[in-house]
C-alpha atoms as a PDB file:
ATOM      1  CA  MET A   1      22.617 -53.977  17.748  1.00  0.00           C
ATOM      2  CA  SER A   2      19.851 -56.280  18.908  1.00  0.00           C
ATOM      3  CA  ARG A   3      16.668 -55.075  20.565  1.00  0.00           C
ATOM      4  CA  ASN A   4      17.572 -56.774  23.856  1.00  0.00           C
ATOM      5  CA  ALA A   5      20.951 -55.022  23.946  1.00  0.00           C
ATOM      6  CA  LYS A   6      19.259 -51.665  23.417  1.00  0.00           C
ATOM      7  CA  ILE A   7      16.828 -52.381  26.238  1.00  0.00           C
ATOM      8  CA  ALA A   8      19.744 -53.370  28.476  1.00  0.00           C
ATOM      9  CA  TYR A   9      21.590 -50.100  27.798  1.00  0.00           C
ATOM     10  CA  VAL A  10      18.508 -47.997  28.494  1.00  0.00           C
ATOM     11  CA  SER A  11      17.833 -49.931  31.696  1.00  0.00           C
ATOM     12  CA  LEU A  12      21.433 -49.547  32.872  1.00  0.00           C
ATOM     13  CA  ILE A  13      21.284 -45.782  32.406  1.00  0.00           C
ATOM     14  CA  GLY A  14      18.065 -45.669  34.422  1.00  0.00           C
ATOM     15  CA  LEU A  15      19.638 -47.841  37.111  1.00  0.00           C
ATOM     16  CA  ALA A  16      22.653 -45.518  37.232  1.00  0.00           C
ATOM     17  CA  GLY A  17      20.257 -42.641  37.918  1.00  0.00           C
ATOM     18  CA  LEU A  18      18.685 -44.556  40.787  1.00  0.00           C
ATOM     19  CA  ILE A  19      22.065 -45.411  42.270  1.00  0.00           C
ATOM     20  CA  VAL A  20      23.188 -41.768  42.103  1.00  0.00           C
ATOM     21  CA  LEU A  21      19.988 -40.705  43.833  1.00  0.00           C
ATOM     22  CA  LEU A  22      20.439 -43.271  46.601  1.00  0.00           C
ATOM     23  CA  VAL A  23      24.068 -42.233  47.071  1.00  0.00           C
ATOM     24  CA  GLY A  24      22.880 -38.635  47.397  1.00  0.00           C
ATOM     25  CA  ILE A  25      20.364 -39.610  50.066  1.00  0.00           C
ATOM     26  CA  PHE A  26      22.582 -41.821  52.211  1.00  0.00           C
ATOM     27  CA  THR A  27      25.999 -40.117  51.971  1.00  0.00           C
ATOM     28  CA  PRO A  28      27.359 -36.623  52.538  1.00  0.00           C
ATOM     29  CA  LEU A  29      27.013 -35.860  48.796  1.00  0.00           C
ATOM     30  CA  ARG A  30      24.593 -32.981  48.414  1.00  0.00           C
ATOM     31  CA  PHE A  31      21.110 -34.236  47.669  1.00  0.00           C
ATOM     32  CA  SER A  32      20.351 -31.484  45.157  1.00  0.00           C
ATOM     33  CA  ILE A  33      23.372 -32.384  43.018  1.00  0.00           C
ATOM     34  CA  ALA A  34      22.476 -36.085  43.147  1.00  0.00           C
ATOM     35  CA  LEU A  35      18.883 -35.300  42.202  1.00  0.00           C
ATOM     36  CA  ILE A  36      19.958 -33.253  39.179  1.00  0.00           C
ATOM     37  CA  ILE A  37      22.308 -36.011  37.991  1.00  0.00           C
ATOM     38  CA  ALA A  38      19.629 -38.671  38.521  1.00  0.00           C
ATOM     39  CA  ILE A  39      17.046 -36.685  36.553  1.00  0.00           C
ATOM     40  CA  ALA A  40      19.583 -36.174  33.767  1.00  0.00           C
ATOM     41  CA  CYS A  41      20.176 -39.935  33.628  1.00  0.00           C
ATOM     42  CA  TRP A  42      16.457 -40.667  33.479  1.00  0.00           C
ATOM     43  CA  VAL A  43      15.798 -38.042  30.815  1.00  0.00           C
ATOM     44  CA  GLY A  44      18.772 -39.320  28.839  1.00  0.00           C
ATOM     45  CA  SER A  45      17.517 -42.886  28.999  1.00  0.00           C
ATOM     46  CA  GLY A  46      14.079 -41.740  27.861  1.00  0.00           C
ATOM     47  CA  ILE A  47      15.547 -39.862  24.918  1.00  0.00           C
ATOM     48  CA  LEU A  48      17.700 -42.845  23.985  1.00  0.00           C
ATOM     49  CA  ALA A  49      14.726 -45.209  24.230  1.00  0.00           C
ATOM     50  CA  ARG A  50      12.667 -42.959  21.982  1.00  0.00           C
ATOM     51  CA  TYR A  51      15.547 -42.663  19.503  1.00  0.00           C
ATOM     52  CA  TRP A  52      15.889 -46.465  19.378  1.00  0.00           C
ATOM     53  CA  GLU A  53      12.070 -46.807  19.169  1.00  0.00           C
ATOM     54  CA  LEU A  54      11.751 -48.772  22.410  1.00  0.00           C
ATOM     55  CA  LYS A  55       8.901 -48.686  24.880  1.00  0.00           C
ATOM     56  CA  LYS A  56       9.948 -47.709  28.395  1.00  0.00           C
END
């Protein structure tokens, strides 16, 4: 897999975390659940970036 594809995957996971957080803020979904899912996405993208030796 190319370096740009790896960066794209890591960025998409981070973006998914942001979207979940925004959904939690602006909809009836509980904010605490959305925050936990968003943090999990961001931590997961950080772990994946470190595993693929990318700079975040």
